[in-house]
Amino acid sequence: MPILSPRRLALAALALTAAGPAYAIDLTRSVDIAAPPAKVWQTIGDFCGIGNWHPAVEKCTPSEQDGMKVRLLSLKGGGTIKEEQVSRDDKVMSYTYTILESPLPVSDYKSTIAVAPEGTGSKVTWSGTFNAKGAPDTVATDAVQGIYESGLKALSEKAK
């Protein structure tokens, strides 16, 4: 068995590190809303209801694919995002979805939006995990953060 020089050993270690799995980016945003959880869930609980409250979504078209709920979001200014609902709990008031196709600089995206009681009102939490795709982590994070923050702001105004 050949003995590797220290330089070759260091290069091999570097190559293995570079080929290792990327760490996912986790992002969570939330907003308090002065409305009962059931009322807030009525606004966001329909998987395609995002078309009624998110300012970036012009239209949401629902469909089914392999028995799963799918939504096609037509974005204001152009572009579409195709998402699939992977789990839902109406009792807990949350659903989880993944992005199937998107112009966003992300891959392996999975997100949950949930409503919970908070004092006399509600707290809506939108959290996701994803990897940057074709852009630095900061660019991917900024894109998703902008979606969450603008959506939660609009939701807090609509669900009162």
Protein backbone atom coordinates (compact mmCIF):
# COMPACT_ATOMS: atom_id res chain seq x y z
CA MET A 1 0.00 0.00 0.00
CA PRO A 2 1.54 3.36 -1.03
CA ILE A 3 2.21 5.94 1.63
CA LEU A 4 0.73 9.35 0.93
CA SER A 5 2.88 12.41 1.35
CA PRO A 6 1.63 14.99 3.86
CA ARG A 7 0.69 17.25 0.92
CA ARG A 8 -1.34 14.52 -0.82
CA LEU A 9 -2.98 13.56 2.49
CA ALA A 10 -3.99 17.19 3.07
CA LEU A 11 -5.38 17.45 -0.49
CA ALA A 12 -7.34 14.22 -0.05
CA ALA A 13 -8.79 15.47 3.24
CA LEU A 14 -9.74 18.77 1.61
CA ALA A 15 -11.43 16.96 -1.29
CA LEU A 16 -13.46 14.83 1.11
CA THR A 17 -14.52 17.89 3.08
CA ALA A 18 -15.55 19.75 -0.08
CA ALA A 19 -17.57 16.76 -1.29
CA GLY A 20 -19.40 16.40 2.02
CA PRO A 21 -23.05 17.34 2.44
CA ALA A 22 -23.94 21.01 2.58
CA TYR A 23 -25.58 22.20 5.74
CA ALA A 24 -29.18 23.27 5.32
CA ILE A 25 -30.21 26.81 6.09
CA ASP A 26 -32.95 27.12 8.73
CA LEU A 27 -35.16 30.19 8.80
CA THR A 28 -38.11 31.04 11.04
CA ARG A 29 -40.26 34.16 11.13
CA SER A 30 -43.43 34.81 13.12
CA VAL A 31 -46.02 37.47 13.73
CA ASP A 32 -48.61 38.08 16.45
CA ILE A 33 -52.11 38.75 15.16
CA ALA A 34 -54.97 40.21 17.20
CA ALA A 35 -57.47 37.58 16.07
CA PRO A 36 -58.46 34.13 17.35
CA PRO A 37 -56.45 31.21 15.91
CA ALA A 38 -59.52 29.69 14.21
CA LYS A 39 -60.10 32.94 12.29
CA VAL A 40 -56.45 33.15 11.22
CA TRP A 41 -56.46 29.47 10.19
CA GLN A 42 -59.59 30.16 8.13
CA THR A 43 -57.52 32.72 6.20
CA ILE A 44 -54.38 30.59 5.65
CA GLY A 45 -55.51 26.97 6.14
CA ASP A 46 -56.60 26.40 2.55
CA PHE A 47 -53.41 25.32 0.76
CA CYS A 48 -54.23 27.55 -2.22
CA GLY A 49 -55.52 30.34 0.02
CA ILE A 50 -52.07 31.95 -0.15
CA GLY A 51 -53.30 33.60 -3.35
CA ASN A 52 -55.72 35.63 -1.22
CA TRP A 53 -53.24 37.02 1.29
CA HIS A 54 -49.63 36.94 0.05
CA PRO A 55 -48.74 40.15 -1.81
CA ALA A 56 -46.32 38.41 -4.22
CA VAL A 57 -48.93 35.89 -5.43
CA GLU A 58 -51.19 36.98 -8.25
CA LYS A 59 -53.03 33.66 -8.53
CA CYS A 60 -52.95 30.18 -7.05
CA THR A 61 -54.09 27.22 -9.14
CA PRO A 62 -54.74 24.01 -7.19
CA SER A 63 -54.29 20.50 -8.60
CA GLU A 64 -53.37 16.98 -7.55
CA GLN A 65 -50.30 14.95 -8.41
CA ASP A 66 -49.92 11.33 -7.29
CA GLY A 67 -52.67 11.88 -4.71
CA MET A 68 -50.96 14.94 -3.19
CA LYS A 69 -52.23 18.52 -3.20
CA VAL A 70 -50.20 20.76 -5.49
CA ARG A 71 -50.43 24.50 -6.04
CA LEU A 72 -49.06 26.57 -8.88
CA LEU A 73 -48.36 30.12 -7.74
CA SER A 74 -48.36 32.75 -10.47
CA LEU A 75 -46.23 35.59 -9.16
CA LYS A 76 -46.87 39.28 -9.68
CA GLY A 77 -44.26 40.50 -12.12
CA GLY A 78 -43.92 37.05 -13.71
CA GLY A 79 -42.68 33.61 -12.79
CA THR A 80 -44.28 30.61 -11.15
CA ILE A 81 -43.61 28.39 -8.16
CA LYS A 82 -44.95 24.84 -7.98
CA GLU A 83 -45.38 23.47 -4.45
CA GLU A 84 -46.67 20.23 -2.95
CA GLN A 85 -48.36 19.87 0.42
CA VAL A 86 -46.65 16.98 2.21
CA SER A 87 -48.52 17.05 5.52
CA ARG A 88 -51.42 18.83 7.15
CA ASP A 89 -52.99 18.95 10.60
CA ASP A 90 -56.18 21.00 10.85
CA LYS A 91 -56.43 20.30 14.57
CA VAL A 92 -52.96 21.75 15.23
CA MET A 93 -53.55 24.34 12.44
CA SER A 94 -50.42 23.73 10.36
CA TYR A 95 -49.31 22.39 7.02
CA THR A 96 -45.95 21.55 5.51
CA TYR A 97 -45.01 21.86 1.86
CA THR A 98 -42.05 21.51 -0.48
CA ILE A 99 -41.07 23.40 -3.61
CA LEU A 100 -41.15 21.24 -6.73
CA GLU A 101 -40.18 23.93 -9.27
CA SER A 102 -39.14 27.53 -8.69
CA PRO A 103 -36.99 30.41 -9.93
CA LEU A 104 -35.83 30.94 -6.33
CA PRO A 105 -32.14 30.29 -5.58
CA VAL A 106 -32.99 27.34 -3.29
CA SER A 107 -33.12 23.55 -3.38
CA ASP A 108 -34.36 20.91 -0.94
CA TYR A 109 -36.88 23.46 0.37
CA LYS A 110 -39.36 22.32 3.01
CA SER A 111 -41.52 24.73 4.97
CA THR A 112 -44.25 24.75 7.61
CA ILE A 113 -46.76 27.46 8.39
CA ALA A 114 -48.67 27.18 11.67
CA VAL A 115 -51.13 29.11 13.81
CA ALA A 116 -51.11 28.91 17.61
CA PRO A 117 -52.87 30.74 20.43
CA GLU A 118 -50.88 33.70 21.79
CA GLY A 119 -52.46 35.65 24.64
CA THR A 120 -55.87 36.80 23.39
CA GLY A 121 -54.82 36.43 19.76
CA SER A 122 -52.64 34.23 17.59
CA LYS A 123 -49.05 33.67 16.59
CA VAL A 124 -48.33 32.59 13.02
CA THR A 125 -44.96 30.92 12.54
CA TRP A 126 -43.48 30.25 9.12
CA SER A 127 -40.33 28.17 9.15
CA GLY A 128 -38.31 26.48 6.49
CA THR A 129 -35.16 24.62 5.71
CA PHE A 130 -33.37 24.77 2.36
CA ASN A 131 -30.02 24.86 0.59
CA ALA A 132 -28.75 27.70 -1.56
CA LYS A 133 -28.74 26.86 -5.26
CA GLY A 134 -26.64 28.82 -7.74
CA ALA A 135 -26.18 31.71 -5.28
CA PRO A 136 -24.50 32.39 -1.94
CA ASP A 137 -26.33 31.36 1.24
CA THR A 138 -27.06 35.02 2.04
CA VAL A 139 -28.86 35.55 -1.28
CA ALA A 140 -31.01 32.43 -0.79
CA THR A 141 -31.76 33.40 2.82
CA ASP A 142 -32.69 36.96 1.83
CA ALA A 143 -35.08 35.66 -0.85
CA VAL A 144 -36.93 33.31 1.52
CA GLN A 145 -36.87 35.83 4.35
CA GLY A 146 -38.48 38.41 2.06
CA ILE A 147 -41.24 35.95 1.16
CA TYR A 148 -41.93 35.10 4.81
CA GLU A 149 -41.82 38.68 6.09
CA SER A 150 -43.97 40.24 3.36
CA GLY A 151 -46.48 37.39 3.66
CA LEU A 152 -46.73 37.59 7.44
CA LYS A 153 -47.11 41.38 7.32
CA ALA A 154 -49.94 41.12 4.79
CA LEU A 155 -51.52 38.29 6.76
CA SER A 156 -51.48 40.32 9.98
CA GLU A 157 -53.37 43.10 8.18
CA LYS A 158 -55.88 40.77 6.49
CA ALA A 159 -56.67 38.41 9.37
CA LYS A 160 -57.58 41.05 11.99
